Amino acid sequence: MPRFLSYDNHIFHTSIPKQSTNASDYIINPNADLKISFTFLGNKLTIPWITMYDSKERVSLKKLTITFIHDEFEIITLHYKSTCKSDYA
């Protein structure tokens, strides 16, 4: 994943803290940020740390779009765009 020269979508699921009256209901710590990063082509292409959940601002990642830029034979670089949503909305 992904396949060269083909358009594709993949969904990556993870648990994000939700408000609860019972602390044992939390899968991860709601008072700490949750971050991820991605590497492709043996660390040649990387996406640095992206915040999936910001505990201070109470904002979580809603969508991450990764676009691979290529020439005729190989992937040259990649671009990414993140879209977030607020827990307060």
C-alpha atoms as a PDB file:
ATOM      1  CA  MET A   1       0.000   0.000   0.000  1.00  0.00           C
ATOM      2  CA  PRO A   2      -0.222   2.215  -1.941  1.00  0.00           C
ATOM      3  CA  ARG A   3       0.186   0.718  -5.420  1.00  0.00           C
ATOM      4  CA  PHE A   4       2.188   2.721  -7.947  1.00  0.00           C
ATOM      5  CA  LEU A   5       0.099   4.651 -10.504  1.00  0.00           C
ATOM      6  CA  SER A   6      -3.244   3.689  -9.001  1.00  0.00           C
ATOM      7  CA  TYR A   7      -5.667   5.848  -7.024  1.00  0.00           C
ATOM      8  CA  ASP A   8      -6.590   4.291  -3.711  1.00  0.00           C
ATOM      9  CA  ASN A   9      -8.096   5.094  -0.293  1.00  0.00           C
ATOM     10  CA  HIS A  10      -7.254   3.452   3.002  1.00  0.00           C
ATOM     11  CA  ILE A  11      -8.823   4.004   6.386  1.00  0.00           C
ATOM     12  CA  PHE A  12      -6.665   3.893   9.499  1.00  0.00           C
ATOM     13  CA  HIS A  13      -8.644   3.615  12.738  1.00  0.00           C
ATOM     14  CA  THR A  14      -7.408   4.484  16.192  1.00  0.00           C
ATOM     15  CA  SER A  15      -9.031   5.195  19.526  1.00  0.00           C
ATOM     16  CA  ILE A  16      -9.356   8.842  20.493  1.00  0.00           C
ATOM     17  CA  PRO A  17     -10.233   9.835  24.081  1.00  0.00           C
ATOM     18  CA  LYS A  18     -13.878  10.585  24.719  1.00  0.00           C
ATOM     19  CA  GLN A  19     -15.440  12.174  27.779  1.00  0.00           C
ATOM     20  CA  SER A  20     -16.453   9.684  30.423  1.00  0.00           C
ATOM     21  CA  THR A  21     -17.241   9.679  34.116  1.00  0.00           C
ATOM     22  CA  ASN A  22     -15.279   6.446  34.566  1.00  0.00           C
ATOM     23  CA  ALA A  23     -11.485   6.783  34.137  1.00  0.00           C
ATOM     24  CA  SER A  24     -11.159   3.067  33.322  1.00  0.00           C
ATOM     25  CA  ASP A  25     -13.218   3.636  30.142  1.00  0.00           C
ATOM     26  CA  TYR A  26     -10.303   5.451  28.512  1.00  0.00           C
ATOM     27  CA  ILE A  27      -8.216   3.423  26.086  1.00  0.00           C
ATOM     28  CA  ILE A  28      -5.509   6.098  25.977  1.00  0.00           C
ATOM     29  CA  ASN A  29      -4.725   8.981  28.284  1.00  0.00           C
ATOM     30  CA  PRO A  30      -7.138  11.878  27.510  1.00  0.00           C
ATOM     31  CA  ASN A  31      -4.721  14.319  29.148  1.00  0.00           C
ATOM     32  CA  ALA A  32      -1.862  13.565  26.736  1.00  0.00           C
ATOM     33  CA  ASP A  33      -1.429  14.264  23.027  1.00  0.00           C
ATOM     34  CA  LEU A  34      -1.608  11.359  20.577  1.00  0.00           C
ATOM     35  CA  LYS A  35       0.740  11.659  17.587  1.00  0.00           C
ATOM     36  CA  ILE A  36       1.674   9.488  14.596  1.00  0.00           C
ATOM     37  CA  SER A  37       4.167   9.663  11.757  1.00  0.00           C
ATOM     38  CA  PHE A  38       4.489   7.765   8.480  1.00  0.00           C
ATOM     39  CA  THR A  39       7.495   6.562   6.504  1.00  0.00           C
ATOM     40  CA  PHE A  40       7.548   5.161   2.976  1.00  0.00           C
ATOM     41  CA  LEU A  41      10.248   3.719   0.700  1.00  0.00           C
ATOM     42  CA  GLY A  42      12.537   2.648   3.518  1.00  0.00           C
ATOM     43  CA  ASN A  43      12.473   6.050   5.263  1.00  0.00           C
ATOM     44  CA  LYS A  44      13.125   8.013   2.047  1.00  0.00           C
ATOM     45  CA  LEU A  45       9.716   9.687   2.257  1.00  0.00           C
ATOM     46  CA  THR A  46       8.390  10.698   5.655  1.00  0.00           C
ATOM     47  CA  ILE A  47       5.502  12.562   7.186  1.00  0.00           C
ATOM     48  CA  PRO A  48       6.669  14.026  10.507  1.00  0.00           C
ATOM     49  CA  TRP A  49       4.650  13.820  13.693  1.00  0.00           C
ATOM     50  CA  ILE A  50       0.998  14.637  13.111  1.00  0.00           C
ATOM     51  CA  THR A  51      -1.212  15.261  16.109  1.00  0.00           C
ATOM     52  CA  MET A  52      -4.156  12.879  16.084  1.00  0.00           C
ATOM     53  CA  TYR A  53      -5.470  14.251  19.367  1.00  0.00           C
ATOM     54  CA  ASP A  54      -4.463  17.529  21.017  1.00  0.00           C
ATOM     55  CA  SER A  55      -5.350  17.233  24.701  1.00  0.00           C
ATOM     56  CA  LYS A  56      -4.967  20.940  25.449  1.00  0.00           C
ATOM     57  CA  GLU A  57      -7.098  22.219  22.554  1.00  0.00           C
ATOM     58  CA  ARG A  58      -9.333  19.088  22.542  1.00  0.00           C
ATOM     59  CA  VAL A  59      -8.983  18.767  18.771  1.00  0.00           C
ATOM     60  CA  SER A  60      -8.668  15.470  16.909  1.00  0.00           C
ATOM     61  CA  LEU A  61      -7.608  14.519  13.403  1.00  0.00           C
ATOM     62  CA  LYS A  62     -10.595  13.964  11.162  1.00  0.00           C
ATOM     63  CA  LYS A  63      -8.873  13.286   7.845  1.00  0.00           C
ATOM     64  CA  LEU A  64      -5.343  12.996   6.491  1.00  0.00           C
ATOM     65  CA  THR A  65      -4.820  13.136   2.729  1.00  0.00           C
ATOM     66  CA  ILE A  66      -1.465  11.929   1.411  1.00  0.00           C
ATOM     67  CA  THR A  67      -0.575  12.602  -2.221  1.00  0.00           C
ATOM     68  CA  PHE A  68       2.400  10.875  -3.819  1.00  0.00           C
ATOM     69  CA  ILE A  69       4.135  12.867  -6.555  1.00  0.00           C
ATOM     70  CA  HIS A  70       5.857  10.741  -9.187  1.00  0.00           C
ATOM     71  CA  ASP A  71       7.458  10.814 -12.582  1.00  0.00           C
ATOM     72  CA  GLU A  72       7.128   8.014 -15.111  1.00  0.00           C
ATOM     73  CA  PHE A  73       9.141   5.532 -13.071  1.00  0.00           C
ATOM     74  CA  GLU A  74       9.310   6.416  -9.394  1.00  0.00           C
ATOM     75  CA  ILE A  75       7.814   8.369  -6.517  1.00  0.00           C
ATOM     76  CA  ILE A  76       9.655  11.663  -6.102  1.00  0.00           C
ATOM     77  CA  THR A  77       8.022  13.246  -3.059  1.00  0.00           C
ATOM     78  CA  LEU A  78       4.782  13.391  -1.147  1.00  0.00           C
ATOM     79  CA  HIS A  79       2.453  16.052   0.191  1.00  0.00           C
ATOM     80  CA  TYR A  80      -0.029  15.766   3.011  1.00  0.00           C
ATOM     81  CA  LYS A  81      -2.953  17.764   4.343  1.00  0.00           C
ATOM     82  CA  SER A  82      -4.640  17.231   7.678  1.00  0.00           C
ATOM     83  CA  THR A  83      -8.175  18.205   8.626  1.00  0.00           C
ATOM     84  CA  CYS A  84      -9.139  18.416  12.290  1.00  0.00           C
ATOM     85  CA  LYS A  85     -12.341  18.609  14.295  1.00  0.00           C
ATOM     86  CA  SER A  86     -12.965  20.054  17.730  1.00  0.00           C
ATOM     87  CA  ASP A  87     -14.456  18.034  20.574  1.00  0.00           C
ATOM     88  CA  TYR A  88     -16.395  21.169  21.503  1.00  0.00           C
ATOM     89  CA  ALA A  89     -18.299  21.304  18.203  1.00  0.00           C
END
